[in-house]
Amino acid sequence: MSENRSIAKAAGVVGAATFLSRILGFIRDVVVAKYFGAGLSADAFFVAFRIPNLLRRLLAEGALTVSFVPVFTEYLAKKSRRDALELANVSFTVLSMILVVISILGIILSPLIIRIIAPGFIHSPEKLELTILLNRIMFPYIFFIGLTALCMGVLNSLRHFAAPALSPVLLNLSMIIAVLCFSRYFEQPVLSLAVGVIIGGVLQLIFQFPFLRSKGVRFRVNFNFSHPAVKRIGLLMLPAVFGVAVYQFNIFVSTIIASFLPEGSISYLYYADRLIEFPLGIFAVAVGTAVLPTMSRHAAMKNYDDLKDSLSFALRLVLFLTIPAMVGLIVLRVPIISILFQRGEFDSQTTLLTANALLYYSLGLWAIAGGRIVVPTFYSLQDTRTPVKIAIITLFADVILSIILAFPLGLRHGGIALAMSISSTINIALLLMVLRKRLGSIGGKKILLSVLKASISSAAMGIVVYLFCFRIPWDMVLGIKEKIFTLSGSIIIGTAVFFLCSYLLKSQESYAFIKIIRERISRDTKT
């Protein structure tokens, strides 16, 4: 129970930091839209940043972390701290050299890269030249964010989550400040945004060092390339990179299918997906990040009963949080989209069409969130191949379902979103089947009981929220201030109803939250 509370506290820290980052990310998008609109400069920046950002997802924040943490945690658990720190030093040295080579190649090959990913720019020499310049400025970002990801992995393994979780906040702040303060000094104002990306990358890396030193970690150059753990990390990374690539390819295929639908379909899916990523980042990613070091330690020590207990708790916790979020998004999808996006060319009809996509995406929110917990369990067992195999099956299912639902069944862009939800359900079902076969029972009855209580509480919440929010015509009467007040009130009331019902149903997760809050208040009172 003590360990589960530690996981919950760590998830709370990561979730709060992620929430702050997402808010700043939204402000960043507003600033970028205001200064650069949707014209030549904005197109050039988004295309130029795509490759460094993709490499960040493939090499840094995705595959590297899930490959390094289990091995590093194993060294901490089964060998000496000195051996673990030596592994960190060798990994830092090897990764630095790899990232330097990637960054240099990226800068040199920028003209070729841009021509491949944006061939249409060839017909606009000015746009092509600007995009290449921006790409060259930002490519070294992968060097800084790659090393930052390694630092984050070390800190998470040592049970420090605050600094890694706050890291993305610095990138968003840097980009916002760069545009507001320096854009007027550049002949091409959008260059300030690229400079902000690089400064943000540097700040993210530097920010980790004081916290590493407080844990006794000071990176030293170590060219022991024959270190046995380095090869293991590399072998784990290859399928992990492929797994992330499968997910990115899935998005690419969905975009291709949507391109055959009526104009605007891609945009409806994009805006709806942005809203889905909000609770996923705050809840699922936070809990997954918090539980990975714990499960990795249990796996290293072969304490499989404790591993299953941590998995069960993390899965129950994330479903306890995402099921009400799912219901909330379904009930409040029109008000949320209306407040966030409905202005200018984004009219009421666009709001309804985007809400349609959000409805179908939301149906699979629980499955996507659950997958973010189950997959790290395989990583903790140093198995990165099984999730990739299942991801490939899921990809084929998603493509086939997207085509069937979007065209013959006539759901259009909603069909693509629904296909994602169904394929995500298939994904988590297959993952749990394989995991249960490998580890035995993972407390399915306890998880189902928790899900049932969360679902009943969420249903009550949804009814109350609907009655409060739609007691008057939403679009016909309310101004923006009234809309914000009504939506905010609905969310507050809905949250209170959910936790009250959960408490009355004796949900263990609600009790855990109350206990953590009481301990926090007691500690603050004493200080």
Protein backbone atom coordinates (compact mmCIF):
# COMPACT_ATOMS: atom_id res chain seq x y z
CA MET A 1 0.00 0.00 0.00
CA SER A 2 2.89 2.33 0.81
CA GLU A 3 4.41 1.68 -2.61
CA ASN A 4 1.08 2.24 -4.34
CA ARG A 5 0.72 5.59 -2.58
CA SER A 6 4.22 6.48 -3.80
CA ILE A 7 3.16 5.65 -7.35
CA ALA A 8 0.01 7.78 -6.94
CA LYS A 9 2.02 10.71 -5.55
CA ALA A 10 4.56 10.46 -8.36
CA ALA A 11 1.75 10.31 -10.91
CA GLY A 12 0.24 13.41 -9.30
CA VAL A 13 3.52 15.29 -9.67
CA VAL A 14 3.92 14.24 -13.31
CA GLY A 15 0.26 14.93 -14.06
CA ALA A 16 0.36 18.43 -12.56
CA ALA A 17 3.51 19.30 -14.50
CA THR A 18 2.02 17.87 -17.70
CA PHE A 19 -1.15 19.90 -17.15
CA LEU A 20 0.96 23.07 -16.86
CA SER A 21 2.89 22.11 -19.98
CA ARG A 22 -0.31 21.49 -21.97
CA ILE A 23 -1.74 24.85 -20.92
CA LEU A 24 1.46 26.60 -22.00
CA GLY A 25 1.41 24.57 -25.20
CA PHE A 26 -2.05 25.92 -25.96
CA ILE A 27 -0.85 29.48 -25.23
CA ARG A 28 2.14 28.83 -27.50
CA ASP A 29 -0.22 27.78 -30.32
CA VAL A 30 -2.28 30.94 -29.78
CA VAL A 31 0.88 33.10 -29.95
CA VAL A 32 2.13 31.34 -33.08
CA ALA A 33 -1.29 31.70 -34.71
CA LYS A 34 -1.40 35.41 -33.86
CA TYR A 35 2.08 36.24 -35.17
CA PHE A 36 2.34 33.87 -38.14
CA GLY A 37 -1.24 32.81 -38.94
CA ALA A 38 -1.51 29.95 -41.41
CA GLY A 39 0.61 31.41 -44.19
CA LEU A 40 4.04 30.81 -45.66
CA SER A 41 6.02 31.27 -42.44
CA ALA A 42 3.80 28.99 -40.36
CA ASP A 43 3.83 26.26 -43.02
CA ALA A 44 7.61 26.49 -43.26
CA PHE A 45 8.08 26.20 -39.50
CA PHE A 46 5.70 23.27 -38.98
CA VAL A 47 7.31 21.30 -41.81
CA ALA A 48 10.86 22.18 -40.66
CA PHE A 49 10.13 21.11 -37.08
CA ARG A 50 8.49 17.85 -38.11
CA ILE A 51 11.69 15.82 -38.56
CA PRO A 52 13.50 16.93 -35.35
CA ASN A 53 10.24 16.42 -33.47
CA LEU A 54 9.75 12.97 -35.01
CA LEU A 55 13.31 11.98 -34.07
CA ARG A 56 12.59 13.21 -30.55
CA ARG A 57 9.64 10.83 -30.32
CA LEU A 58 11.50 7.92 -31.93
CA LEU A 59 14.89 8.18 -30.22
CA ALA A 60 14.56 10.37 -27.17
CA GLU A 61 11.34 10.51 -25.20
CA GLY A 62 10.03 7.17 -26.46
CA ALA A 63 12.44 4.32 -27.20
CA LEU A 64 15.41 5.56 -25.18
CA THR A 65 13.54 6.01 -21.91
CA VAL A 66 11.70 2.68 -21.99
CA SER A 67 14.93 0.85 -22.94
CA PHE A 68 17.29 2.58 -20.51
CA VAL A 69 15.14 2.69 -17.34
CA PRO A 70 14.63 -1.10 -16.92
CA VAL A 71 18.34 -1.86 -17.44
CA PHE A 72 19.54 1.01 -15.23
CA THR A 73 17.01 0.03 -12.54
CA GLU A 74 18.25 -3.56 -12.70
CA TYR A 75 21.80 -2.35 -12.05
CA LEU A 76 20.58 -0.29 -9.09
CA ALA A 77 18.67 -3.25 -7.67
CA LYS A 78 21.07 -6.14 -8.31
CA LYS A 79 24.49 -4.48 -8.51
CA SER A 80 26.12 -1.49 -6.84
CA ARG A 81 25.23 2.15 -7.29
CA ARG A 82 28.74 2.65 -8.66
CA ASP A 83 28.05 0.11 -11.44
CA ALA A 84 24.76 1.85 -12.23
CA LEU A 85 26.45 5.26 -12.48
CA GLU A 86 29.15 3.79 -14.73
CA LEU A 87 26.37 2.57 -17.03
CA ALA A 88 24.87 6.08 -17.02
CA ASN A 89 28.26 7.59 -17.95
CA VAL A 90 28.83 5.13 -20.82
CA SER A 91 25.27 5.68 -22.08
CA PHE A 92 25.72 9.47 -21.90
CA THR A 93 28.97 9.26 -23.89
CA VAL A 94 27.65 6.88 -26.56
CA LEU A 95 24.40 8.78 -26.95
CA SER A 96 26.21 12.13 -27.24
CA MET A 97 28.32 10.82 -30.11
CA ILE A 98 25.31 9.34 -31.92
CA LEU A 99 23.27 12.51 -31.52
CA VAL A 100 26.14 14.71 -32.77
CA VAL A 101 26.36 12.61 -35.95
CA ILE A 102 22.57 12.71 -36.45
CA SER A 103 22.49 16.49 -35.93
CA ILE A 104 25.34 17.13 -38.41
CA LEU A 105 23.80 14.84 -41.02
CA GLY A 106 20.46 16.53 -40.52
CA ILE A 107 21.94 19.98 -41.09
CA ILE A 108 23.83 18.86 -44.21
CA LEU A 109 20.93 16.91 -45.70
CA SER A 110 18.22 19.47 -44.89
CA PRO A 111 17.62 20.40 -48.57
CA LEU A 112 17.04 16.74 -49.44
CA ILE A 113 14.93 16.07 -46.33
CA ILE A 114 12.60 19.02 -46.99
CA ARG A 115 12.20 18.09 -50.65
CA ILE A 116 11.14 14.59 -49.58
CA ILE A 117 8.66 15.50 -46.82
CA ALA A 118 7.26 18.60 -48.56
CA PRO A 119 7.67 18.14 -52.32
CA GLY A 120 5.03 20.78 -52.99
CA PHE A 121 7.39 23.44 -51.62
CA ILE A 122 9.67 22.96 -54.64
CA HIS A 123 7.27 25.11 -56.66
CA SER A 124 7.70 27.94 -54.14
CA PRO A 125 11.44 28.75 -53.94
CA GLU A 126 10.95 31.28 -51.12
CA LYS A 127 9.05 28.83 -48.95
CA LEU A 128 11.51 26.03 -49.72
CA GLU A 129 14.53 28.17 -48.82
CA LEU A 130 12.95 29.35 -45.56
CA THR A 131 11.96 25.80 -44.58
CA ILE A 132 15.49 24.49 -45.19
CA LEU A 133 16.96 27.33 -43.10
CA LEU A 134 14.54 26.67 -40.24
CA ASN A 135 15.25 22.94 -40.39
CA ARG A 136 19.00 23.56 -40.16
CA ILE A 137 18.58 25.86 -37.17
CA MET A 138 16.38 23.41 -35.29
CA PHE A 139 18.01 20.08 -36.10
CA PRO A 140 20.48 20.27 -33.17
CA TYR A 141 17.42 20.24 -30.91
CA ILE A 142 17.54 16.43 -31.16
CA PHE A 143 20.99 16.50 -29.49
CA PHE A 144 19.77 18.41 -26.45
CA ILE A 145 16.42 16.63 -26.06
CA GLY A 146 18.08 13.22 -26.51
CA LEU A 147 20.48 13.86 -23.63
CA THR A 148 17.61 15.36 -21.64
CA ALA A 149 15.65 12.13 -22.09
CA LEU A 150 18.60 10.15 -20.71
CA CYS A 151 18.80 12.47 -17.69
CA MET A 152 15.06 12.07 -17.19
CA GLY A 153 15.44 8.30 -17.26
CA VAL A 154 18.14 8.42 -14.58
CA LEU A 155 16.09 10.73 -12.36
CA ASN A 156 12.90 8.69 -12.75
CA SER A 157 14.82 5.53 -11.85
CA LEU A 158 16.05 7.30 -8.72
CA ARG A 159 12.42 8.22 -7.89
CA HIS A 160 12.67 11.91 -8.76
CA PHE A 161 9.86 12.90 -11.13
CA ALA A 162 9.36 16.67 -10.77
CA ALA A 163 12.29 17.96 -12.85
CA PRO A 164 11.74 15.57 -15.80
CA ALA A 165 8.01 16.33 -15.82
CA LEU A 166 8.58 20.10 -15.79
CA SER A 167 11.08 19.93 -18.65
CA PRO A 168 8.56 20.48 -21.51
CA VAL A 169 7.33 23.63 -19.73
CA LEU A 170 10.71 25.24 -20.48
CA LEU A 171 10.40 24.53 -24.20
CA ASN A 172 6.95 26.12 -24.42
CA LEU A 173 8.06 29.15 -22.38
CA SER A 174 11.17 29.57 -24.51
CA MET A 175 9.18 29.53 -27.75
CA ILE A 176 6.58 31.98 -26.41
CA ILE A 177 9.20 34.42 -25.08
CA ALA A 178 11.32 34.17 -28.24
CA VAL A 179 8.38 35.14 -30.44
CA LEU A 180 7.13 37.94 -28.16
CA CYS A 181 10.56 39.49 -27.51
CA PHE A 182 12.77 38.76 -30.51
CA SER A 183 10.63 38.29 -33.62
CA ARG A 184 10.89 41.96 -34.54
CA TYR A 185 14.69 41.74 -34.68
CA PHE A 186 14.74 39.13 -37.47
CA GLU A 187 14.30 39.85 -41.14
CA GLN A 188 12.22 36.67 -41.18
CA PRO A 189 10.31 36.90 -37.85
CA VAL A 190 9.59 33.14 -37.80
CA LEU A 191 13.31 32.53 -37.22
CA SER A 192 12.72 33.66 -33.64
CA LEU A 193 10.51 30.61 -33.18
CA ALA A 194 13.30 28.30 -34.37
CA VAL A 195 15.77 29.99 -32.04
CA GLY A 196 13.27 29.53 -29.22
CA VAL A 197 13.21 25.78 -29.94
CA ILE A 198 17.01 25.52 -29.63
CA ILE A 199 17.13 27.65 -26.47
CA GLY A 200 14.33 25.51 -25.05
CA GLY A 201 16.31 22.36 -25.77
CA VAL A 202 19.39 23.76 -24.02
CA LEU A 203 17.34 24.87 -20.99
CA GLN A 204 15.65 21.47 -20.73
CA LEU A 205 19.05 19.76 -20.51
CA ILE A 206 20.64 22.25 -18.10
CA PHE A 207 17.56 22.13 -15.85
CA GLN A 208 18.19 18.43 -15.10
CA PHE A 209 21.78 18.85 -13.86
CA PRO A 210 21.19 20.34 -10.38
CA PHE A 211 18.71 17.58 -9.57
CA LEU A 212 21.13 14.95 -10.87
CA ARG A 213 23.89 16.36 -8.67
CA SER A 214 21.57 16.25 -5.65
CA LYS A 215 21.23 12.50 -6.33
CA GLY A 216 25.00 12.11 -6.61
CA VAL A 217 25.03 11.82 -10.41
CA ARG A 218 27.76 13.70 -12.30
CA PHE A 219 28.23 12.55 -15.85
CA ARG A 220 31.77 11.69 -16.89
CA VAL A 221 33.09 10.74 -20.32
CA ASN A 222 33.45 6.96 -20.50
CA PHE A 223 34.40 5.25 -23.77
CA ASN A 224 33.80 1.72 -22.52
CA PHE A 225 31.76 0.84 -25.59
CA SER A 226 32.06 -2.87 -24.79
CA HIS A 227 29.96 -2.42 -21.64
CA PRO A 228 27.47 -5.34 -21.73
CA ALA A 229 24.48 -3.22 -20.69
CA VAL A 230 24.96 -0.80 -23.59
CA LYS A 231 24.39 -3.59 -26.08
CA ARG A 232 21.29 -4.68 -24.16
CA ILE A 233 19.88 -1.15 -24.23
CA GLY A 234 20.57 -0.97 -27.96
CA LEU A 235 18.82 -4.30 -28.61
CA LEU A 236 15.82 -3.14 -26.58
CA MET A 237 15.73 0.20 -28.41
CA LEU A 238 15.45 -1.23 -31.92
CA PRO A 239 11.98 -2.77 -31.52
CA ALA A 240 10.93 0.14 -29.28
CA VAL A 241 11.82 2.60 -32.05
CA PHE A 242 9.91 0.45 -34.52
CA GLY A 243 6.92 0.42 -32.16
CA VAL A 244 6.85 4.23 -32.02
CA ALA A 245 7.29 4.31 -35.80
CA VAL A 246 4.25 2.04 -36.22
CA TYR A 247 2.16 4.52 -34.21
CA GLN A 248 3.39 7.44 -36.32
CA PHE A 249 2.69 5.45 -39.50
CA ASN A 250 -0.81 4.80 -38.21
CA ILE A 251 -1.42 8.54 -37.96
CA PHE A 252 0.04 8.99 -41.45
CA VAL A 253 -2.29 6.34 -42.93
CA SER A 254 -5.31 7.88 -41.18
CA THR A 255 -4.39 11.22 -42.75
CA ILE A 256 -4.20 9.62 -46.20
CA ILE A 257 -7.65 8.04 -45.77
CA ALA A 258 -9.09 11.32 -44.48
CA SER A 259 -7.69 13.13 -47.52
CA PHE A 260 -10.28 11.31 -49.67
CA LEU A 261 -13.11 12.64 -47.50
CA PRO A 262 -14.78 16.08 -47.76
CA GLU A 263 -12.58 19.12 -47.19
CA GLY A 264 -11.91 19.82 -43.52
CA SER A 265 -11.98 16.17 -42.41
CA ILE A 266 -8.27 16.16 -41.55
CA SER A 267 -8.70 19.31 -39.48
CA TYR A 268 -11.68 17.90 -37.57
CA LEU A 269 -9.62 14.85 -36.62
CA TYR A 270 -6.59 16.98 -35.71
CA TYR A 271 -8.47 19.26 -33.30
CA ALA A 272 -10.34 16.34 -31.72
CA ASP A 273 -7.09 14.43 -31.25
CA ARG A 274 -5.54 17.45 -29.52
CA LEU A 275 -8.33 17.31 -26.94
CA ILE A 276 -7.93 13.56 -26.44
CA GLU A 277 -4.19 13.99 -25.82
CA PHE A 278 -4.93 16.35 -22.92
CA PRO A 279 -6.30 13.76 -20.43
CA LEU A 280 -3.94 11.12 -21.82
CA GLY A 281 -0.93 13.27 -20.98
CA ILE A 282 -2.18 14.29 -17.57
CA PHE A 283 -3.37 10.86 -16.43
CA ALA A 284 -2.12 7.93 -18.54
CA VAL A 285 1.37 9.16 -19.37
CA ALA A 286 1.81 10.44 -15.81
CA VAL A 287 0.90 7.10 -14.21
CA GLY A 288 2.91 5.15 -16.80
CA THR A 289 5.98 7.28 -16.12
CA ALA A 290 5.58 6.89 -12.36
CA VAL A 291 5.07 3.12 -12.37
CA LEU A 292 7.82 2.08 -14.85
CA PRO A 293 10.77 2.35 -12.39
CA THR A 294 8.81 0.45 -9.72
CA MET A 295 7.83 -2.37 -12.08
CA SER A 296 11.37 -2.48 -13.50
CA ARG A 297 12.77 -2.99 -10.00
CA HIS A 298 10.29 -5.77 -9.26
CA ALA A 299 11.08 -7.44 -12.59
CA ALA A 300 14.84 -7.21 -11.96
CA MET A 301 14.41 -8.87 -8.55
CA LYS A 302 11.90 -11.37 -10.04
CA ASN A 303 9.26 -10.22 -7.56
CA TYR A 304 6.46 -10.94 -10.00
CA ASP A 305 3.69 -10.82 -7.41
CA ASP A 306 4.72 -7.27 -6.50
CA LEU A 307 5.02 -6.45 -10.21
CA LYS A 308 1.45 -7.62 -10.81
CA ASP A 309 0.26 -5.68 -7.79
CA SER A 310 1.85 -2.46 -9.12
CA LEU A 311 0.36 -3.11 -12.56
CA SER A 312 -3.10 -3.73 -11.09
CA PHE A 313 -2.96 -0.56 -9.01
CA ALA A 314 -1.66 1.59 -11.89
CA LEU A 315 -4.31 0.22 -14.26
CA ARG A 316 -7.10 0.79 -11.73
CA LEU A 317 -5.82 4.29 -11.01
CA VAL A 318 -5.59 5.37 -14.64
CA LEU A 319 -9.03 3.93 -15.48
CA PHE A 320 -10.47 5.60 -12.38
CA LEU A 321 -9.25 8.92 -13.84
CA THR A 322 -9.86 8.42 -17.56
CA ILE A 323 -13.38 6.94 -17.46
CA PRO A 324 -14.87 10.16 -16.02
CA ALA A 325 -12.69 12.16 -18.42
CA MET A 326 -14.14 10.08 -21.28
CA VAL A 327 -17.72 10.71 -20.13
CA GLY A 328 -16.96 14.40 -19.60
CA LEU A 329 -15.57 14.79 -23.13
CA ILE A 330 -18.58 13.03 -24.62
CA VAL A 331 -21.14 15.14 -22.74
CA LEU A 332 -19.29 18.46 -23.00
CA ARG A 333 -17.70 18.01 -26.43
CA VAL A 334 -19.63 20.85 -28.09
CA PRO A 335 -19.12 23.41 -25.27
CA ILE A 336 -15.39 22.59 -25.00
CA ILE A 337 -14.73 22.90 -28.73
CA SER A 338 -16.89 26.01 -28.96
CA ILE A 339 -14.90 27.84 -26.27
CA LEU A 340 -11.46 26.72 -27.40
CA PHE A 341 -11.71 26.99 -31.18
CA GLN A 342 -14.93 28.58 -32.43
CA ARG A 343 -13.88 31.93 -33.82
CA GLY A 344 -13.14 33.34 -37.27
CA GLU A 345 -13.28 30.64 -39.93
CA PHE A 346 -13.97 27.99 -37.25
CA ASP A 347 -17.77 28.35 -37.26
CA SER A 348 -20.58 26.50 -35.45
CA GLN A 349 -20.82 23.85 -38.20
CA THR A 350 -17.10 23.15 -37.86
CA THR A 351 -17.61 22.82 -34.10
CA LEU A 352 -20.30 20.17 -34.61
CA LEU A 353 -18.20 18.21 -37.11
CA THR A 354 -15.17 18.32 -34.81
CA ALA A 355 -17.40 17.27 -31.90
CA ASN A 356 -18.45 14.25 -33.96
CA ALA A 357 -14.79 13.18 -34.24
CA LEU A 358 -14.25 13.84 -30.52
CA LEU A 359 -17.25 11.64 -29.64
CA TYR A 360 -15.82 8.63 -31.47
CA TYR A 361 -12.25 9.23 -30.26
CA SER A 362 -13.51 9.50 -26.67
CA LEU A 363 -15.10 6.05 -26.79
CA GLY A 364 -11.62 4.55 -26.89
CA LEU A 365 -9.98 6.86 -24.36
CA TRP A 366 -10.03 4.20 -21.63
CA ALA A 367 -8.36 1.65 -23.92
CA ILE A 368 -5.66 4.04 -25.10
CA ALA A 369 -4.96 5.07 -21.49
CA GLY A 370 -4.89 1.47 -20.32
CA GLY A 371 -2.46 0.60 -23.09
CA ARG A 372 -0.10 3.31 -21.84
CA ILE A 373 0.08 1.33 -18.55
CA VAL A 374 0.21 -2.23 -19.88
CA VAL A 375 2.95 -1.57 -22.46
CA PRO A 376 5.46 -0.32 -19.81
CA THR A 377 4.92 -3.66 -18.04
CA PHE A 378 6.49 -5.42 -21.02
CA TYR A 379 9.28 -2.82 -21.01
CA SER A 380 9.94 -3.50 -17.33
CA LEU A 381 10.36 -7.17 -18.29
CA GLN A 382 12.81 -5.95 -20.97
CA ASP A 383 10.48 -7.20 -23.68
CA THR A 384 10.03 -4.54 -26.36
CA ARG A 385 9.15 -6.97 -29.15
CA THR A 386 5.73 -8.16 -28.00
CA PRO A 387 4.17 -4.64 -27.96
CA VAL A 388 5.53 -4.09 -31.48
CA LYS A 389 3.98 -7.30 -32.82
CA ILE A 390 0.64 -6.40 -31.29
CA ALA A 391 0.97 -2.81 -32.56
CA ILE A 392 1.36 -4.12 -36.11
CA ILE A 393 -1.82 -6.22 -35.75
CA THR A 394 -3.59 -3.16 -34.36
CA LEU A 395 -2.36 -1.05 -37.29
CA PHE A 396 -3.87 -3.41 -39.86
CA ALA A 397 -7.13 -3.55 -37.89
CA ASP A 398 -7.26 0.25 -37.73
CA VAL A 399 -6.68 0.68 -41.47
CA ILE A 400 -9.30 -1.90 -42.45
CA LEU A 401 -11.87 -0.53 -39.97
CA SER A 402 -11.18 3.07 -41.07
CA ILE A 403 -11.93 2.24 -44.69
CA ILE A 404 -15.07 0.25 -43.84
CA LEU A 405 -16.50 2.76 -41.35
CA ALA A 406 -15.58 5.90 -43.29
CA PHE A 407 -16.83 4.84 -46.72
CA PRO A 408 -19.34 1.94 -46.96
CA LEU A 409 -20.93 2.74 -43.59
CA GLY A 410 -20.83 6.48 -44.28
CA LEU A 411 -19.41 7.71 -40.96
CA ARG A 412 -16.74 9.69 -42.85
CA HIS A 413 -14.16 11.28 -40.50
CA GLY A 414 -16.13 9.94 -37.54
CA GLY A 415 -15.49 6.45 -38.88
CA ILE A 416 -11.73 7.02 -38.76
CA ALA A 417 -11.99 8.14 -35.14
CA LEU A 418 -14.20 5.17 -34.25
CA ALA A 419 -11.73 2.82 -35.95
CA MET A 420 -9.00 4.19 -33.70
CA SER A 421 -11.13 3.49 -30.63
CA ILE A 422 -11.96 -0.06 -31.71
CA SER A 423 -8.36 -0.86 -32.65
CA SER A 424 -7.17 0.53 -29.30
CA THR A 425 -9.58 -1.85 -27.57
CA ILE A 426 -8.17 -4.73 -29.61
CA ASN A 427 -4.67 -3.59 -28.67
CA ILE A 428 -5.20 -3.60 -24.90
CA ALA A 429 -7.13 -6.88 -25.06
CA LEU A 430 -4.24 -8.62 -26.85
CA LEU A 431 -1.66 -7.07 -24.51
CA LEU A 432 -3.55 -8.28 -21.43
CA MET A 433 -4.02 -11.76 -22.89
CA VAL A 434 -0.29 -12.16 -23.52
CA LEU A 435 0.60 -10.67 -20.14
CA ARG A 436 -1.80 -12.95 -18.29
CA LYS A 437 -0.36 -15.96 -20.10
CA ARG A 438 3.15 -14.92 -19.05
CA LEU A 439 2.53 -13.78 -15.46
CA GLY A 440 -0.69 -15.51 -14.48
CA SER A 441 -3.64 -13.73 -12.90
CA ILE A 442 -3.19 -9.95 -12.67
CA GLY A 443 -6.22 -9.29 -10.45
CA GLY A 444 -8.84 -9.08 -13.17
CA LYS A 445 -11.82 -9.23 -10.79
CA LYS A 446 -10.45 -6.38 -8.71
CA ILE A 447 -9.84 -4.29 -11.84
CA LEU A 448 -13.34 -4.99 -13.21
CA LEU A 449 -14.95 -4.07 -9.87
CA SER A 450 -13.00 -0.79 -9.86
CA VAL A 451 -14.06 -0.10 -13.45
CA LEU A 452 -17.70 -0.81 -12.58
CA LYS A 453 -17.64 1.65 -9.66
CA ALA A 454 -15.89 4.30 -11.78
CA SER A 455 -18.43 3.79 -14.57
CA ILE A 456 -21.43 4.17 -12.23
CA SER A 457 -19.90 7.31 -10.70
CA SER A 458 -19.11 8.68 -14.17
CA ALA A 459 -22.67 8.01 -15.38
CA ALA A 460 -24.07 9.97 -12.42
CA MET A 461 -21.57 12.73 -13.12
CA GLY A 462 -22.52 12.80 -16.82
CA ILE A 463 -26.24 13.19 -16.05
CA VAL A 464 -25.64 16.05 -13.59
CA VAL A 465 -23.21 17.80 -15.96
CA TYR A 466 -25.64 17.53 -18.88
CA LEU A 467 -28.54 18.94 -16.84
CA PHE A 468 -26.43 21.84 -15.58
CA CYS A 469 -24.61 22.74 -18.79
CA PHE A 470 -27.52 22.40 -21.21
CA ARG A 471 -30.27 23.87 -19.06
CA ILE A 472 -30.34 26.72 -21.59
CA PRO A 473 -29.50 26.66 -25.34
CA TRP A 474 -25.71 26.62 -25.50
CA ASP A 475 -24.99 28.32 -28.80
CA MET A 476 -28.05 30.53 -29.15
CA VAL A 477 -27.95 32.58 -25.94
CA LEU A 478 -24.59 32.49 -24.18
CA GLY A 479 -21.73 34.92 -24.79
CA ILE A 480 -18.11 33.89 -24.28
CA LYS A 481 -18.01 34.88 -20.59
CA GLU A 482 -21.22 33.04 -19.85
CA LYS A 483 -19.95 30.03 -21.81
CA ILE A 484 -16.72 29.87 -19.80
CA PHE A 485 -18.61 30.28 -16.52
CA THR A 486 -21.14 27.58 -17.43
CA LEU A 487 -18.50 25.12 -18.66
CA SER A 488 -16.26 25.72 -15.62
CA GLY A 489 -19.20 25.28 -13.28
CA SER A 490 -20.18 22.06 -15.04
CA ILE A 491 -16.67 20.64 -14.67
CA ILE A 492 -16.42 21.58 -10.98
CA ILE A 493 -19.86 20.19 -10.15
CA GLY A 494 -19.23 17.07 -12.20
CA THR A 495 -15.90 16.42 -10.47
CA ALA A 496 -17.55 16.79 -7.05
CA VAL A 497 -20.37 14.40 -8.01
CA PHE A 498 -17.92 11.82 -9.34
CA PHE A 499 -15.73 11.79 -6.22
CA LEU A 500 -18.79 11.78 -3.92
CA CYS A 501 -20.28 8.77 -5.72
CA SER A 502 -16.89 7.03 -5.74
CA TYR A 503 -16.58 7.60 -2.01
CA LEU A 504 -20.08 6.27 -1.34
CA LEU A 505 -19.32 3.21 -3.49
CA LYS A 506 -16.15 2.69 -1.38
CA SER A 507 -13.80 2.99 -4.32
CA GLN A 508 -10.25 2.26 -3.11
CA GLU A 509 -8.84 4.78 -5.58
CA SER A 510 -10.94 7.60 -4.14
CA TYR A 511 -9.81 6.64 -0.63
CA ALA A 512 -6.19 6.71 -1.80
CA PHE A 513 -6.65 10.23 -3.20
CA ILE A 514 -8.28 11.45 0.01
CA LYS A 515 -5.45 9.97 2.09
CA ILE A 516 -2.79 11.63 -0.06
CA ILE A 517 -4.57 14.99 0.17
CA ARG A 518 -4.92 14.66 3.97
CA GLU A 519 -1.22 13.82 4.31
CA ARG A 520 -0.34 16.79 2.15
CA ILE A 521 -2.53 19.18 4.16
CA SER A 522 -1.13 17.82 7.43
CA ARG A 523 2.46 18.29 6.20
CA ASP A 524 1.76 21.83 4.97
CA THR A 525 0.10 22.69 8.31
CA LYS A 526 3.12 21.49 10.28
CA THR A 527 5.52 23.51 8.12
